[in-house]
Amino acid sequence: MTETYLFFFQAVLPLFTRPNMLLQREDPSIHLVHESLQDLIQRLLTKFVQLKLLMAQKFEGTEIDYLDWSCQVEDRELYIGMSTRSLLRKLEDDGQPVAMFYRGVCSFWETAVTKLKKTFLLNDDVLKNARLIDLFNKEEIKVSQFEYFVDRFGSLLGDINLEKIHDELMDLLLFTIPEKQMILSQVSGDNQEIYSRVDSLWGYLSTVRQRDNNALRFQNICKVALLVATLPHSNASSERIFSMVNKNNTKFRPSLKTDGTLDSLMTIKCQMLDTPCYMVQPTDELLTEAKKATRLYNQQHKNV
């Protein structure tokens, strides 16, 4: 039976891969989190909840008690993966009991959905309104989303003309970002997926000017959008820094000062996350300053 459970996990774990990769992205992705998590929960529910109830939830807004067995599908209709089901048939043919396996599978799906709902703030207003920076679905952007962040982070935004937000948003809906700028903002994800960074696109929009008076065309909405883009969508970036510190401040060199060498190493490494050290081309000015620092260090420590 152990092999059956392993086949089951092999079939279901890919369901969690895409949301996990999203949370680990380094570029601003807070506008994608809410929809991604909602989609993950919905896909998990389809694995063990009756389809007619899911359809009713979608069109009528009814809440599903997924923990109620009467709302769940029969054991043989539970999603366990084709390889798992084939192996399970062989076990049944050999007379081995499989009821406990089905109960375990059902418990897995129930626990996964419950854990997601408790862990992630699916009703958080920040996540819901952060979708205003999604320029690939800009027809869904609402003025109320901008108003929410102005009310919440007004002290950080400074001078915002609320009266112009509506006009700028309507202007944005009719504005087409040049293809050249779309290409310049493209990056490659962990799964080789090509997409455009929203912060780069909003940075470009913040420089677009009116033709008649040379005034910034999207000044107010860009202020709000760029602030939203700085909000972290997970703690993955912080965990990377801690991991990087541990790799540099090892037991073989524990004397690195946090306000000196270690701090400088972290600053350099954080600025070169996408560039291997052997590909860095230092400038002549940097080499000159490095030689001066080396000479000064040697002079100060020649008698040590």
C-alpha atoms as a PDB file:
ATOM      1  CA  MET A   1       0.000   0.000   0.000  1.00  0.00           C
ATOM      2  CA  THR A   2       2.975   2.332   0.537  1.00  0.00           C
ATOM      3  CA  GLU A   3       3.637   2.351  -3.194  1.00  0.00           C
ATOM      4  CA  THR A   4       0.040   3.416  -3.798  1.00  0.00           C
ATOM      5  CA  TYR A   5       0.411   6.444  -1.540  1.00  0.00           C
ATOM      6  CA  LEU A   6       3.649   7.412  -3.302  1.00  0.00           C
ATOM      7  CA  PHE A   7       1.946   7.237  -6.697  1.00  0.00           C
ATOM      8  CA  PHE A   8      -0.853   9.400  -5.312  1.00  0.00           C
ATOM      9  CA  PHE A   9       1.542  12.095  -4.086  1.00  0.00           C
ATOM     10  CA  GLN A  10       3.346  12.017  -7.404  1.00  0.00           C
ATOM     11  CA  ALA A  11       0.039  12.764  -9.128  1.00  0.00           C
ATOM     12  CA  VAL A  12      -1.186  15.566  -6.861  1.00  0.00           C
ATOM     13  CA  LEU A  13       1.917  17.547  -5.893  1.00  0.00           C
ATOM     14  CA  PRO A  14       2.189  19.277  -9.319  1.00  0.00           C
ATOM     15  CA  LEU A  15      -1.089  21.020  -8.455  1.00  0.00           C
ATOM     16  CA  PHE A  16       0.800  23.107  -5.901  1.00  0.00           C
ATOM     17  CA  THR A  17       3.827  23.823  -8.091  1.00  0.00           C
ATOM     18  CA  ARG A  18       2.567  26.812 -10.064  1.00  0.00           C
ATOM     19  CA  PRO A  19       1.256  28.829  -7.059  1.00  0.00           C
ATOM     20  CA  ASN A  20       4.448  28.002  -5.176  1.00  0.00           C
ATOM     21  CA  MET A  21       6.581  29.277  -8.055  1.00  0.00           C
ATOM     22  CA  LEU A  22       4.505  32.454  -8.160  1.00  0.00           C
ATOM     23  CA  LEU A  23       5.142  33.114  -4.465  1.00  0.00           C
ATOM     24  CA  GLN A  24       8.881  32.665  -5.042  1.00  0.00           C
ATOM     25  CA  ARG A  25       9.113  35.124  -7.929  1.00  0.00           C
ATOM     26  CA  GLU A  26      11.427  38.071  -7.331  1.00  0.00           C
ATOM     27  CA  ASP A  27       9.555  40.606  -9.468  1.00  0.00           C
ATOM     28  CA  PRO A  28       6.361  42.310  -8.193  1.00  0.00           C
ATOM     29  CA  SER A  29       3.542  39.763  -8.315  1.00  0.00           C
ATOM     30  CA  ILE A  30       1.124  40.837  -5.592  1.00  0.00           C
ATOM     31  CA  HIS A  31      -1.558  41.469  -8.239  1.00  0.00           C
ATOM     32  CA  LEU A  32      -1.546  37.755  -9.157  1.00  0.00           C
ATOM     33  CA  VAL A  33      -1.652  36.217  -5.672  1.00  0.00           C
ATOM     34  CA  HIS A  34      -5.366  36.475  -4.891  1.00  0.00           C
ATOM     35  CA  GLU A  35      -6.550  34.973  -8.170  1.00  0.00           C
ATOM     36  CA  SER A  36      -3.864  32.268  -8.072  1.00  0.00           C
ATOM     37  CA  LEU A  37      -4.844  31.096  -4.587  1.00  0.00           C
ATOM     38  CA  GLN A  38      -8.542  31.207  -5.384  1.00  0.00           C
ATOM     39  CA  ASP A  39      -7.892  29.149  -8.493  1.00  0.00           C
ATOM     40  CA  LEU A  40      -5.822  26.625  -6.510  1.00  0.00           C
ATOM     41  CA  ILE A  41      -8.609  26.114  -3.963  1.00  0.00           C
ATOM     42  CA  GLN A  42     -11.162  25.725  -6.736  1.00  0.00           C
ATOM     43  CA  ARG A  43      -9.025  23.093  -8.468  1.00  0.00           C
ATOM     44  CA  LEU A  44      -8.564  21.219  -5.203  1.00  0.00           C
ATOM     45  CA  LEU A  45     -12.309  21.192  -4.611  1.00  0.00           C
ATOM     46  CA  THR A  46     -12.899  19.637  -8.028  1.00  0.00           C
ATOM     47  CA  LYS A  47     -10.895  16.613  -6.904  1.00  0.00           C
ATOM     48  CA  PHE A  48     -13.383  15.489  -4.249  1.00  0.00           C
ATOM     49  CA  VAL A  49     -16.526  17.685  -4.264  1.00  0.00           C
ATOM     50  CA  GLN A  50     -19.563  17.055  -6.454  1.00  0.00           C
ATOM     51  CA  LEU A  51     -19.455  19.065  -9.670  1.00  0.00           C
ATOM     52  CA  LYS A  52     -23.084  20.210  -9.447  1.00  0.00           C
ATOM     53  CA  LEU A  53     -22.329  21.892  -6.117  1.00  0.00           C
ATOM     54  CA  LEU A  54     -19.286  23.647  -7.572  1.00  0.00           C
ATOM     55  CA  MET A  55     -21.393  24.908 -10.460  1.00  0.00           C
ATOM     56  CA  ALA A  56     -24.019  26.179  -8.025  1.00  0.00           C
ATOM     57  CA  GLN A  57     -21.302  27.959  -6.064  1.00  0.00           C
ATOM     58  CA  LYS A  58     -20.038  29.637  -9.234  1.00  0.00           C
ATOM     59  CA  PHE A  59     -23.377  30.850 -10.586  1.00  0.00           C
ATOM     60  CA  GLU A  60     -25.447  31.244  -7.414  1.00  0.00           C
ATOM     61  CA  GLY A  61     -22.744  32.110  -4.880  1.00  0.00           C
ATOM     62  CA  THR A  62     -23.763  29.317  -2.517  1.00  0.00           C
ATOM     63  CA  GLU A  63     -21.195  28.173   0.028  1.00  0.00           C
ATOM     64  CA  ILE A  64     -20.071  24.548  -0.062  1.00  0.00           C
ATOM     65  CA  ASP A  65     -19.558  22.532   3.104  1.00  0.00           C
ATOM     66  CA  TYR A  66     -16.765  20.469   1.592  1.00  0.00           C
ATOM     67  CA  LEU A  67     -16.231  18.626   4.908  1.00  0.00           C
ATOM     68  CA  ASP A  68     -19.738  17.137   4.673  1.00  0.00           C
ATOM     69  CA  TRP A  69     -19.529  13.670   3.107  1.00  0.00           C
ATOM     70  CA  SER A  70     -22.858  14.231   1.351  1.00  0.00           C
ATOM     71  CA  CYS A  71     -21.190  16.987  -0.693  1.00  0.00           C
ATOM     72  CA  GLN A  72     -18.318  14.770  -1.755  1.00  0.00           C
ATOM     73  CA  VAL A  73     -18.087  12.335  -4.648  1.00  0.00           C
ATOM     74  CA  GLU A  74     -18.016   8.572  -4.205  1.00  0.00           C
ATOM     75  CA  ASP A  75     -14.726   6.958  -3.328  1.00  0.00           C
ATOM     76  CA  ARG A  76     -14.139   5.625  -6.818  1.00  0.00           C
ATOM     77  CA  GLU A  77     -14.663   9.125  -8.270  1.00  0.00           C
ATOM     78  CA  LEU A  78     -11.998  10.760  -6.090  1.00  0.00           C
ATOM     79  CA  TYR A  79      -9.046  12.100  -8.037  1.00  0.00           C
ATOM     80  CA  ILE A  80      -5.994   9.958  -7.299  1.00  0.00           C
ATOM     81  CA  GLY A  81      -4.152   9.935 -10.634  1.00  0.00           C
ATOM     82  CA  MET A  82      -4.302   7.344 -13.402  1.00  0.00           C
ATOM     83  CA  SER A  83      -1.210   5.423 -12.284  1.00  0.00           C
ATOM     84  CA  THR A  84      -2.532   5.259  -8.740  1.00  0.00           C
ATOM     85  CA  ARG A  85      -5.919   4.014  -9.901  1.00  0.00           C
ATOM     86  CA  SER A  86      -4.335   1.312 -12.051  1.00  0.00           C
ATOM     87  CA  LEU A  87      -2.275   0.095  -9.105  1.00  0.00           C
ATOM     88  CA  LEU A  88      -5.314   0.231  -6.844  1.00  0.00           C
ATOM     89  CA  ARG A  89      -7.281  -2.011  -9.185  1.00  0.00           C
ATOM     90  CA  LYS A  90      -4.569  -4.646  -8.961  1.00  0.00           C
ATOM     91  CA  LEU A  91      -4.702  -4.488  -5.157  1.00  0.00           C
ATOM     92  CA  GLU A  92      -8.485  -4.882  -5.235  1.00  0.00           C
ATOM     93  CA  ASP A  93      -8.171  -7.864  -7.560  1.00  0.00           C
ATOM     94  CA  ASP A  94      -5.776  -9.409  -5.036  1.00  0.00           C
ATOM     95  CA  GLY A  95      -8.392  -8.971  -2.325  1.00  0.00           C
ATOM     96  CA  GLN A  96      -6.631  -6.208  -0.403  1.00  0.00           C
ATOM     97  CA  PRO A  97      -8.838  -3.616   1.387  1.00  0.00           C
ATOM     98  CA  VAL A  98      -8.714  -0.138  -0.132  1.00  0.00           C
ATOM     99  CA  ALA A  99     -11.394   1.699   1.872  1.00  0.00           C
ATOM    100  CA  MET A 100      -8.800   3.132   4.258  1.00  0.00           C
ATOM    101  CA  PHE A 101      -6.795   4.467   1.310  1.00  0.00           C
ATOM    102  CA  TYR A 102      -9.833   6.321  -0.044  1.00  0.00           C
ATOM    103  CA  ARG A 103     -10.528   7.802   3.390  1.00  0.00           C
ATOM    104  CA  GLY A 104      -6.925   8.961   3.555  1.00  0.00           C
ATOM    105  CA  VAL A 105      -7.175  10.573   0.125  1.00  0.00           C
ATOM    106  CA  CYS A 106     -10.362  12.375   1.069  1.00  0.00           C
ATOM    107  CA  SER A 107      -8.759  13.561   4.305  1.00  0.00           C
ATOM    108  CA  PHE A 108      -5.794  14.863   2.296  1.00  0.00           C
ATOM    109  CA  TRP A 109      -8.015  17.009   0.065  1.00  0.00           C
ATOM    110  CA  GLU A 110     -10.043  18.278   3.023  1.00  0.00           C
ATOM    111  CA  THR A 111      -6.920  19.212   4.974  1.00  0.00           C
ATOM    112  CA  ALA A 112      -5.304  20.907   1.961  1.00  0.00           C
ATOM    113  CA  VAL A 113      -8.310  23.185   1.353  1.00  0.00           C
ATOM    114  CA  THR A 114      -8.752  23.956   5.056  1.00  0.00           C
ATOM    115  CA  LYS A 115      -5.053  24.783   5.473  1.00  0.00           C
ATOM    116  CA  LEU A 116      -5.058  27.112   2.471  1.00  0.00           C
ATOM    117  CA  LYS A 117      -8.121  28.969   3.690  1.00  0.00           C
ATOM    118  CA  LYS A 118      -6.648  29.427   7.168  1.00  0.00           C
ATOM    119  CA  THR A 119      -3.110  30.296   6.081  1.00  0.00           C
ATOM    120  CA  PHE A 120      -3.789  32.734   3.259  1.00  0.00           C
ATOM    121  CA  LEU A 121      -5.864  35.875   3.684  1.00  0.00           C
ATOM    122  CA  LEU A 122      -8.200  35.235   0.773  1.00  0.00           C
ATOM    123  CA  ASN A 123     -10.499  38.095   1.804  1.00  0.00           C
ATOM    124  CA  ASP A 124      -7.677  40.574   2.363  1.00  0.00           C
ATOM    125  CA  ASP A 125      -8.500  43.944   0.793  1.00  0.00           C
ATOM    126  CA  VAL A 126      -4.879  44.603  -0.153  1.00  0.00           C
ATOM    127  CA  LEU A 127      -4.684  41.458  -2.282  1.00  0.00           C
ATOM    128  CA  LYS A 128      -8.061  42.134  -3.863  1.00  0.00           C
ATOM    129  CA  ASN A 129      -7.320  45.737  -4.794  1.00  0.00           C
ATOM    130  CA  ALA A 130      -3.693  45.107  -5.796  1.00  0.00           C
ATOM    131  CA  ARG A 131      -4.966  43.851  -9.145  1.00  0.00           C
ATOM    132  CA  LEU A 132      -5.016  47.476 -10.259  1.00  0.00           C
ATOM    133  CA  ILE A 133      -1.402  47.094 -11.438  1.00  0.00           C
ATOM    134  CA  ASP A 134      -2.298  44.242 -13.814  1.00  0.00           C
ATOM    135  CA  LEU A 135      -1.952  45.999 -17.170  1.00  0.00           C
ATOM    136  CA  PHE A 136      -2.775  42.806 -19.068  1.00  0.00           C
ATOM    137  CA  ASN A 137      -6.331  42.947 -17.697  1.00  0.00           C
ATOM    138  CA  LYS A 138      -6.628  46.705 -17.471  1.00  0.00           C
ATOM    139  CA  GLU A 139     -10.304  46.644 -18.453  1.00  0.00           C
ATOM    140  CA  GLU A 140     -10.946  45.216 -14.950  1.00  0.00           C
ATOM    141  CA  ILE A 141      -9.131  48.063 -13.155  1.00  0.00           C
ATOM    142  CA  LYS A 142     -11.473  50.217 -11.069  1.00  0.00           C
ATOM    143  CA  VAL A 143     -11.205  53.706  -9.621  1.00  0.00           C
ATOM    144  CA  SER A 144     -12.234  52.316  -6.215  1.00  0.00           C
ATOM    145  CA  GLN A 145      -9.021  50.264  -6.133  1.00  0.00           C
ATOM    146  CA  PHE A 146      -6.938  53.424  -6.407  1.00  0.00           C
ATOM    147  CA  GLU A 147      -9.091  55.121  -3.772  1.00  0.00           C
ATOM    148  CA  TYR A 148      -8.464  52.222  -1.383  1.00  0.00           C
ATOM    149  CA  PHE A 149      -4.678  52.598  -1.527  1.00  0.00           C
ATOM    150  CA  VAL A 150      -4.844  56.390  -1.375  1.00  0.00           C
ATOM    151  CA  ASP A 151      -6.891  56.118   1.822  1.00  0.00           C
ATOM    152  CA  ARG A 152      -4.596  53.474   3.313  1.00  0.00           C
ATOM    153  CA  PHE A 153      -1.182  54.790   2.244  1.00  0.00           C
ATOM    154  CA  GLY A 154      -1.920  58.463   1.691  1.00  0.00           C
ATOM    155  CA  SER A 155       1.001  59.580   3.876  1.00  0.00           C
ATOM    156  CA  LEU A 156       3.411  57.644   1.645  1.00  0.00           C
ATOM    157  CA  LEU A 157       1.922  58.810  -1.630  1.00  0.00           C
ATOM    158  CA  GLY A 158       2.176  62.503  -0.893  1.00  0.00           C
ATOM    159  CA  ASP A 159       0.278  64.888  -3.150  1.00  0.00           C
ATOM    160  CA  ILE A 160      -2.331  62.901  -5.103  1.00  0.00           C
ATOM    161  CA  ASN A 161      -5.021  64.607  -7.146  1.00  0.00           C
ATOM    162  CA  LEU A 162      -8.032  62.326  -6.640  1.00  0.00           C
ATOM    163  CA  GLU A 163     -10.069  64.268  -9.166  1.00  0.00           C
ATOM    164  CA  LYS A 164      -7.673  63.309 -11.966  1.00  0.00           C
ATOM    165  CA  ILE A 165      -7.477  59.586 -11.174  1.00  0.00           C
ATOM    166  CA  HIS A 166     -10.674  58.806 -13.079  1.00  0.00           C
ATOM    167  CA  ASP A 167      -9.589  60.724 -16.184  1.00  0.00           C
ATOM    168  CA  GLU A 168      -6.105  59.196 -16.116  1.00  0.00           C
ATOM    169  CA  LEU A 169      -7.540  55.692 -15.750  1.00  0.00           C
ATOM    170  CA  MET A 170      -9.906  56.204 -18.695  1.00  0.00           C
ATOM    171  CA  ASP A 171      -6.983  57.536 -20.697  1.00  0.00           C
ATOM    172  CA  LEU A 172      -4.944  54.453 -19.739  1.00  0.00           C
ATOM    173  CA  LEU A 173      -7.659  52.098 -20.957  1.00  0.00           C
ATOM    174  CA  LEU A 174      -7.371  53.656 -24.414  1.00  0.00           C
ATOM    175  CA  PHE A 175      -3.580  53.852 -24.353  1.00  0.00           C
ATOM    176  CA  THR A 176      -1.453  51.181 -26.026  1.00  0.00           C
ATOM    177  CA  ILE A 177       2.004  50.479 -24.652  1.00  0.00           C
ATOM    178  CA  PRO A 178       4.541  50.310 -27.516  1.00  0.00           C
ATOM    179  CA  GLU A 179       5.633  46.801 -28.464  1.00  0.00           C
ATOM    180  CA  LYS A 180       9.271  47.840 -28.045  1.00  0.00           C
ATOM    181  CA  GLN A 181       8.625  48.700 -24.389  1.00  0.00           C
ATOM    182  CA  MET A 182       6.812  45.412 -23.851  1.00  0.00           C
ATOM    183  CA  ILE A 183       9.867  43.538 -25.139  1.00  0.00           C
ATOM    184  CA  LEU A 184      12.260  45.580 -22.983  1.00  0.00           C
ATOM    185  CA  SER A 185      10.267  44.707 -19.856  1.00  0.00           C
ATOM    186  CA  GLN A 186      10.236  40.957 -20.540  1.00  0.00           C
ATOM    187  CA  VAL A 187      11.921  38.474 -18.211  1.00  0.00           C
ATOM    188  CA  SER A 188      12.138  34.690 -18.133  1.00  0.00           C
ATOM    189  CA  GLY A 189      10.551  32.778 -15.271  1.00  0.00           C
ATOM    190  CA  ASP A 190      11.782  29.618 -13.557  1.00  0.00           C
ATOM    191  CA  ASN A 191       9.801  27.447 -15.982  1.00  0.00           C
ATOM    192  CA  GLN A 192      11.155  29.368 -19.008  1.00  0.00           C
ATOM    193  CA  GLU A 193       7.900  31.330 -19.229  1.00  0.00           C
ATOM    194  CA  ILE A 194       8.358  34.780 -20.786  1.00  0.00           C
ATOM    195  CA  TYR A 195       6.379  37.629 -19.233  1.00  0.00           C
ATOM    196  CA  SER A 196       6.634  41.389 -18.762  1.00  0.00           C
ATOM    197  CA  ARG A 197       7.412  42.934 -15.387  1.00  0.00           C
ATOM    198  CA  VAL A 198       4.570  45.211 -14.301  1.00  0.00           C
ATOM    199  CA  ASP A 199       6.920  47.554 -12.440  1.00  0.00           C
ATOM    200  CA  SER A 200       8.873  48.167 -15.661  1.00  0.00           C
ATOM    201  CA  LEU A 201       5.663  48.904 -17.566  1.00  0.00           C
ATOM    202  CA  TRP A 202       4.343  51.271 -14.906  1.00  0.00           C
ATOM    203  CA  GLY A 203       7.776  52.904 -14.753  1.00  0.00           C
ATOM    204  CA  TYR A 204       7.479  53.590 -18.466  1.00  0.00           C
ATOM    205  CA  LEU A 205       3.945  54.946 -18.077  1.00  0.00           C
ATOM    206  CA  SER A 206       5.188  57.345 -15.392  1.00  0.00           C
ATOM    207  CA  THR A 207       7.387  59.028 -18.032  1.00  0.00           C
ATOM    208  CA  VAL A 208       4.722  59.404 -20.752  1.00  0.00           C
ATOM    209  CA  ARG A 209       3.803  63.031 -21.337  1.00  0.00           C
ATOM    210  CA  GLN A 210       0.925  64.909 -22.916  1.00  0.00           C
ATOM    211  CA  ARG A 211       1.623  66.209 -26.388  1.00  0.00           C
ATOM    212  CA  ASP A 212      -0.087  69.564 -25.924  1.00  0.00           C
ATOM    213  CA  ASN A 213       1.432  70.769 -22.616  1.00  0.00           C
ATOM    214  CA  ASN A 214       4.212  68.217 -21.906  1.00  0.00           C
ATOM    215  CA  ALA A 215       2.607  67.346 -18.544  1.00  0.00           C
ATOM    216  CA  LEU A 216       2.892  63.799 -17.190  1.00  0.00           C
ATOM    217  CA  ARG A 217      -0.006  61.855 -18.646  1.00  0.00           C
ATOM    218  CA  PHE A 218      -0.524  59.270 -15.874  1.00  0.00           C
ATOM    219  CA  GLN A 219       1.110  61.035 -12.937  1.00  0.00           C
ATOM    220  CA  ASN A 220      -1.390  60.192 -10.183  1.00  0.00           C
ATOM    221  CA  ILE A 221      -2.288  56.605 -11.051  1.00  0.00           C
ATOM    222  CA  CYS A 222       1.392  55.767 -11.582  1.00  0.00           C
ATOM    223  CA  LYS A 223       2.238  56.974  -8.082  1.00  0.00           C
ATOM    224  CA  VAL A 224      -0.318  54.597  -6.623  1.00  0.00           C
ATOM    225  CA  ALA A 225       0.578  51.698  -8.918  1.00  0.00           C
ATOM    226  CA  LEU A 226       4.311  51.911  -8.248  1.00  0.00           C
ATOM    227  CA  LEU A 227       3.661  51.931  -4.495  1.00  0.00           C
ATOM    228  CA  VAL A 228       1.506  48.804  -4.831  1.00  0.00           C
ATOM    229  CA  ALA A 229       4.266  47.160  -6.876  1.00  0.00           C
ATOM    230  CA  THR A 230       6.661  47.543  -3.927  1.00  0.00           C
ATOM    231  CA  LEU A 231       4.399  45.533  -1.587  1.00  0.00           C
ATOM    232  CA  PRO A 232       5.891  42.052  -0.995  1.00  0.00           C
ATOM    233  CA  HIS A 233       3.717  39.176  -2.175  1.00  0.00           C
ATOM    234  CA  SER A 234       5.536  36.628   0.045  1.00  0.00           C
ATOM    235  CA  ASN A 235       8.561  36.274   2.340  1.00  0.00           C
ATOM    236  CA  ALA A 236      10.612  34.435  -0.297  1.00  0.00           C
ATOM    237  CA  SER A 237      12.956  37.388  -0.874  1.00  0.00           C
ATOM    238  CA  SER A 238      13.699  37.693   2.851  1.00  0.00           C
ATOM    239  CA  GLU A 239      14.371  33.963   3.095  1.00  0.00           C
ATOM    240  CA  ARG A 240      16.823  34.229   0.172  1.00  0.00           C
ATOM    241  CA  ILE A 241      18.760  36.918   2.030  1.00  0.00           C
ATOM    242  CA  PHE A 242      18.966  34.800   5.187  1.00  0.00           C
ATOM    243  CA  SER A 243      20.139  31.839   3.122  1.00  0.00           C
ATOM    244  CA  MET A 244      22.744  34.013   1.416  1.00  0.00           C
ATOM    245  CA  VAL A 245      24.021  35.266   4.780  1.00  0.00           C
ATOM    246  CA  ASN A 246      24.416  31.706   6.060  1.00  0.00           C
ATOM    247  CA  LYS A 247      26.369  30.746   2.950  1.00  0.00           C
ATOM    248  CA  ASN A 248      28.836  33.606   3.509  1.00  0.00           C
ATOM    249  CA  ASN A 249      29.062  33.800   7.292  1.00  0.00           C
ATOM    250  CA  THR A 250      30.120  30.163   7.811  1.00  0.00           C
ATOM    251  CA  LYS A 251      31.919  28.455  10.689  1.00  0.00           C
ATOM    252  CA  PHE A 252      35.130  28.732   8.678  1.00  0.00           C
ATOM    253  CA  ARG A 253      34.908  32.533   8.654  1.00  0.00           C
ATOM    254  CA  PRO A 254      32.682  33.550  11.573  1.00  0.00           C
ATOM    255  CA  SER A 255      34.366  36.916  12.158  1.00  0.00           C
ATOM    256  CA  LEU A 256      32.761  38.787   9.258  1.00  0.00           C
ATOM    257  CA  LYS A 257      31.309  41.995  10.670  1.00  0.00           C
ATOM    258  CA  THR A 258      27.641  42.621   9.941  1.00  0.00           C
ATOM    259  CA  ASP A 259      28.347  46.352   9.570  1.00  0.00           C
ATOM    260  CA  GLY A 260      31.430  45.812   7.458  1.00  0.00           C
ATOM    261  CA  THR A 261      32.563  43.020   5.158  1.00  0.00           C
ATOM    262  CA  LEU A 262      29.406  40.895   5.419  1.00  0.00           C
ATOM    263  CA  ASP A 263      27.178  43.893   4.774  1.00  0.00           C
ATOM    264  CA  SER A 264      29.248  44.837   1.713  1.00  0.00           C
ATOM    265  CA  LEU A 265      29.161  41.271   0.384  1.00  0.00           C
ATOM    266  CA  MET A 266      25.381  41.126   0.742  1.00  0.00           C
ATOM    267  CA  THR A 267      24.957  44.478  -1.000  1.00  0.00           C
ATOM    268  CA  ILE A 268      27.024  43.349  -3.972  1.00  0.00           C
ATOM    269  CA  LYS A 269      25.379  39.930  -4.222  1.00  0.00           C
ATOM    270  CA  CYS A 270      21.873  41.397  -4.021  1.00  0.00           C
ATOM    271  CA  GLN A 271      22.697  43.718  -6.903  1.00  0.00           C
ATOM    272  CA  MET A 272      23.996  40.826  -9.008  1.00  0.00           C
ATOM    273  CA  LEU A 273      21.365  38.137  -8.425  1.00  0.00           C
ATOM    274  CA  ASP A 274      21.012  37.455 -12.142  1.00  0.00           C
ATOM    275  CA  THR A 275      24.689  37.888 -13.075  1.00  0.00           C
ATOM    276  CA  PRO A 276      27.391  35.300 -12.268  1.00  0.00           C
ATOM    277  CA  CYS A 277      30.423  36.876 -10.611  1.00  0.00           C
ATOM    278  CA  TYR A 278      32.756  35.734 -13.403  1.00  0.00           C
ATOM    279  CA  MET A 279      30.727  37.743 -15.933  1.00  0.00           C
ATOM    280  CA  VAL A 280      30.963  41.041 -14.063  1.00  0.00           C
ATOM    281  CA  GLN A 281      33.092  43.643 -15.856  1.00  0.00           C
ATOM    282  CA  PRO A 282      34.400  46.130 -13.252  1.00  0.00           C
ATOM    283  CA  THR A 283      34.935  49.700 -14.423  1.00  0.00           C
ATOM    284  CA  ASP A 284      38.362  51.340 -14.466  1.00  0.00           C
ATOM    285  CA  GLU A 285      37.259  53.626 -11.637  1.00  0.00           C
ATOM    286  CA  LEU A 286      36.247  50.631  -9.497  1.00  0.00           C
ATOM    287  CA  LEU A 287      39.585  48.903 -10.112  1.00  0.00           C
ATOM    288  CA  THR A 288      41.457  52.071  -9.167  1.00  0.00           C
ATOM    289  CA  GLU A 289      39.525  52.429  -5.923  1.00  0.00           C
ATOM    290  CA  ALA A 290      40.039  48.719  -5.144  1.00  0.00           C
ATOM    291  CA  LYS A 291      43.809  49.059  -5.611  1.00  0.00           C
ATOM    292  CA  LYS A 292      43.857  52.109  -3.321  1.00  0.00           C
ATOM    293  CA  ALA A 293      41.891  50.225  -0.656  1.00  0.00           C
ATOM    294  CA  THR A 294      44.218  47.210  -0.924  1.00  0.00           C
ATOM    295  CA  ARG A 295      47.325  49.386  -0.639  1.00  0.00           C
ATOM    296  CA  LEU A 296      45.897  51.214   2.374  1.00  0.00           C
ATOM    297  CA  TYR A 297      44.947  47.937   4.064  1.00  0.00           C
ATOM    298  CA  ASN A 298      48.422  46.487   3.524  1.00  0.00           C
ATOM    299  CA  GLN A 299      50.046  49.593   4.979  1.00  0.00           C
ATOM    300  CA  GLN A 300      47.877  49.470   8.085  1.00  0.00           C
ATOM    301  CA  HIS A 301      48.525  45.771   8.670  1.00  0.00           C
ATOM    302  CA  LYS A 302      52.135  45.280   7.583  1.00  0.00           C
ATOM    303  CA  ASN A 303      53.330  45.043  11.201  1.00  0.00           C
ATOM    304  CA  VAL A 304      50.496  42.815  12.379  1.00  0.00           C
END
